[in-house]
């Protein structure tokens, strides 16, 4: 009987520790395309892809942007000549934030 209580206690601890981590940790942003934070291309448009974890709100250049239930997102962006900056910011439901910046250089 003590063995079962021990197992149950461990499971409850693991559950609450996981919940505590989700409150304490900031959101995570993973960019899958491009695979580097700086890119040089000749095209007028580019598709940015990635996913987020522990995220409630996602913004790209200050505008709210949707993501699916698994955290996946993609956005086709228009590029102007020279250097283009894209600030991607994620916020958790507990107000924790994380951001990263992509630089895409459009050349002729």
C-alpha atoms as a PDB file:
ATOM      1  CA  UNK A   1       0.000   0.000   0.000  1.00  0.00           C
ATOM      2  CA  UNK A   2       2.842   2.384   0.818  1.00  0.00           C
ATOM      3  CA  UNK A   3       4.321   1.578  -2.571  1.00  0.00           C
ATOM      4  CA  UNK A   4       1.142   2.757  -4.343  1.00  0.00           C
ATOM      5  CA  UNK A   5       1.097   5.995  -2.352  1.00  0.00           C
ATOM      6  CA  UNK A   6       4.742   6.549  -3.280  1.00  0.00           C
ATOM      7  CA  UNK A   7       4.017   6.061  -6.977  1.00  0.00           C
ATOM      8  CA  UNK A   8       0.970   8.334  -6.774  1.00  0.00           C
ATOM      9  CA  UNK A   9       3.004  11.011  -4.981  1.00  0.00           C
ATOM     10  CA  UNK A  10       5.675  10.900  -7.674  1.00  0.00           C
ATOM     11  CA  UNK A  11       3.082  11.215 -10.446  1.00  0.00           C
ATOM     12  CA  UNK A  12       1.409  14.178  -8.732  1.00  0.00           C
ATOM     13  CA  UNK A  13       4.812  15.835  -8.266  1.00  0.00           C
ATOM     14  CA  UNK A  14       5.687  15.363 -11.950  1.00  0.00           C
ATOM     15  CA  UNK A  15       2.313  16.792 -13.010  1.00  0.00           C
ATOM     16  CA  UNK A  16       2.656  19.929 -10.860  1.00  0.00           C
ATOM     17  CA  UNK A  17       6.323  20.385 -11.782  1.00  0.00           C
ATOM     18  CA  UNK A  18       5.320  20.361 -15.471  1.00  0.00           C
ATOM     19  CA  UNK A  19       2.635  22.964 -14.805  1.00  0.00           C
ATOM     20  CA  UNK A  20       5.123  25.105 -12.882  1.00  0.00           C
ATOM     21  CA  UNK A  21       7.578  24.974 -15.786  1.00  0.00           C
ATOM     22  CA  UNK A  22       4.892  26.091 -18.232  1.00  0.00           C
ATOM     23  CA  UNK A  23       4.330  29.180 -16.041  1.00  0.00           C
ATOM     24  CA  UNK A  24       8.018  29.912 -15.453  1.00  0.00           C
ATOM     25  CA  UNK A  25       9.473  29.354 -18.925  1.00  0.00           C
ATOM     26  CA  UNK A  26       9.116  31.889 -21.742  1.00  0.00           C
ATOM     27  CA  UNK A  27       7.618  30.891 -25.090  1.00  0.00           C
ATOM     28  CA  UNK A  28       9.842  29.177 -27.604  1.00  0.00           C
ATOM     29  CA  UNK A  29      10.091  30.253 -31.262  1.00  0.00           C
ATOM     30  CA  UNK A  30      11.584  27.875 -33.802  1.00  0.00           C
ATOM     31  CA  UNK A  31      12.052  29.077 -37.381  1.00  0.00           C
ATOM     32  CA  UNK A  32      12.276  26.197 -39.858  1.00  0.00           C
ATOM     33  CA  UNK A  33      12.476  28.348 -42.994  1.00  0.00           C
ATOM     34  CA  UNK A  34      14.860  30.098 -43.427  1.00  0.00           C
ATOM     35  CA  UNK A  35      17.305  27.946 -41.527  1.00  0.00           C
ATOM     36  CA  UNK A  36      19.507  30.953 -40.734  1.00  0.00           C
ATOM     37  CA  UNK A  37      18.569  34.320 -39.253  1.00  0.00           C
ATOM     38  CA  UNK A  38      20.132  36.138 -42.190  1.00  0.00           C
ATOM     39  CA  UNK A  39      19.392  35.336 -45.818  1.00  0.00           C
ATOM     40  CA  UNK A  40      20.140  36.801 -49.249  1.00  0.00           C
ATOM     41  CA  UNK A  41      17.678  36.143 -52.100  1.00  0.00           C
ATOM     42  CA  UNK A  42      16.544  37.638 -55.405  1.00  0.00           C
ATOM     43  CA  UNK A  43      12.811  36.912 -55.123  1.00  0.00           C
ATOM     44  CA  UNK A  44      10.121  39.534 -54.372  1.00  0.00           C
ATOM     45  CA  UNK A  45       8.450  37.246 -51.809  1.00  0.00           C
ATOM     46  CA  UNK A  46       9.565  34.707 -49.240  1.00  0.00           C
ATOM     47  CA  UNK A  47       7.724  32.140 -47.101  1.00  0.00           C
ATOM     48  CA  UNK A  48       8.686  32.218 -43.419  1.00  0.00           C
ATOM     49  CA  UNK A  49       7.788  28.996 -41.566  1.00  0.00           C
ATOM     50  CA  UNK A  50       8.140  27.863 -38.001  1.00  0.00           C
ATOM     51  CA  UNK A  51       6.419  26.829 -34.834  1.00  0.00           C
ATOM     52  CA  UNK A  52       5.976  28.072 -31.293  1.00  0.00           C
ATOM     53  CA  UNK A  53       5.639  26.386 -27.903  1.00  0.00           C
ATOM     54  CA  UNK A  54       4.053  27.698 -24.693  1.00  0.00           C
ATOM     55  CA  UNK A  55       2.593  30.573 -26.757  1.00  0.00           C
ATOM     56  CA  UNK A  56      -0.680  32.441 -26.425  1.00  0.00           C
ATOM     57  CA  UNK A  57      -0.011  35.342 -28.846  1.00  0.00           C
ATOM     58  CA  UNK A  58       2.263  35.519 -31.874  1.00  0.00           C
ATOM     59  CA  UNK A  59       3.206  38.768 -33.598  1.00  0.00           C
ATOM     60  CA  UNK A  60       5.196  39.347 -36.755  1.00  0.00           C
ATOM     61  CA  UNK A  61       6.368  42.957 -37.099  1.00  0.00           C
ATOM     62  CA  UNK A  62       3.875  43.983 -34.420  1.00  0.00           C
ATOM     63  CA  UNK A  63       0.818  42.400 -36.059  1.00  0.00           C
ATOM     64  CA  UNK A  64      -1.023  39.473 -34.486  1.00  0.00           C
ATOM     65  CA  UNK A  65      -0.518  36.320 -36.484  1.00  0.00           C
ATOM     66  CA  UNK A  66      -2.394  32.997 -36.192  1.00  0.00           C
ATOM     67  CA  UNK A  67      -0.834  29.607 -35.544  1.00  0.00           C
ATOM     68  CA  UNK A  68      -2.466  26.176 -35.485  1.00  0.00           C
ATOM     69  CA  UNK A  69      -3.138  23.899 -32.479  1.00  0.00           C
ATOM     70  CA  UNK A  70       0.353  22.395 -32.818  1.00  0.00           C
ATOM     71  CA  UNK A  71       1.968  25.845 -32.889  1.00  0.00           C
ATOM     72  CA  UNK A  72       2.811  25.827 -36.620  1.00  0.00           C
ATOM     73  CA  UNK A  73       2.739  29.065 -38.584  1.00  0.00           C
ATOM     74  CA  UNK A  74       3.744  30.310 -41.997  1.00  0.00           C
ATOM     75  CA  UNK A  75       3.680  33.746 -43.574  1.00  0.00           C
ATOM     76  CA  UNK A  76       4.505  34.811 -47.095  1.00  0.00           C
ATOM     77  CA  UNK A  77       6.166  38.204 -46.911  1.00  0.00           C
ATOM     78  CA  UNK A  78       6.729  40.811 -49.574  1.00  0.00           C
ATOM     79  CA  UNK A  79      10.308  41.987 -49.855  1.00  0.00           C
ATOM     80  CA  UNK A  80      11.537  45.407 -50.865  1.00  0.00           C
ATOM     81  CA  UNK A  81      14.986  46.009 -52.322  1.00  0.00           C
ATOM     82  CA  UNK A  82      17.870  45.859 -49.839  1.00  0.00           C
ATOM     83  CA  UNK A  83      17.504  44.726 -46.224  1.00  0.00           C
ATOM     84  CA  UNK A  84      14.141  43.538 -44.800  1.00  0.00           C
ATOM     85  CA  UNK A  85      13.683  43.038 -41.036  1.00  0.00           C
ATOM     86  CA  UNK A  86      11.102  40.693 -39.497  1.00  0.00           C
ATOM     87  CA  UNK A  87      10.580  40.763 -35.743  1.00  0.00           C
ATOM     88  CA  UNK A  88       8.808  37.637 -34.502  1.00  0.00           C
ATOM     89  CA  UNK A  89       7.494  37.862 -30.939  1.00  0.00           C
ATOM     90  CA  UNK A  90       5.714  35.227 -28.872  1.00  0.00           C
ATOM     91  CA  UNK A  91       3.934  35.795 -25.560  1.00  0.00           C
ATOM     92  CA  UNK A  92       2.705  33.210 -23.081  1.00  0.00           C
ATOM     93  CA  UNK A  93      -0.636  33.487 -21.328  1.00  0.00           C
ATOM     94  CA  UNK A  94       1.370  34.430 -18.220  1.00  0.00           C
ATOM     95  CA  UNK A  95       2.989  37.463 -19.896  1.00  0.00           C
ATOM     96  CA  UNK A  96       6.418  35.929 -20.573  1.00  0.00           C
ATOM     97  CA  UNK A  97       7.862  37.047 -23.923  1.00  0.00           C
ATOM     98  CA  UNK A  98      10.475  35.883 -26.372  1.00  0.00           C
ATOM     99  CA  UNK A  99      11.452  37.332 -29.741  1.00  0.00           C
ATOM    100  CA  UNK A 100      13.857  36.938 -32.598  1.00  0.00           C
ATOM    101  CA  UNK A 101      14.702  38.905 -35.687  1.00  0.00           C
ATOM    102  CA  UNK A 102      15.121  37.685 -39.256  1.00  0.00           C
ATOM    103  CA  UNK A 103      17.041  39.677 -41.849  1.00  0.00           C
ATOM    104  CA  UNK A 104      16.383  39.004 -45.515  1.00  0.00           C
ATOM    105  CA  UNK A 105      18.434  40.863 -48.088  1.00  0.00           C
ATOM    106  CA  UNK A 106      16.716  41.187 -51.464  1.00  0.00           C
ATOM    107  CA  UNK A 107      19.235  41.702 -54.217  1.00  0.00           C
ATOM    108  CA  UNK A 108      18.798  42.204 -57.940  1.00  0.00           C
END
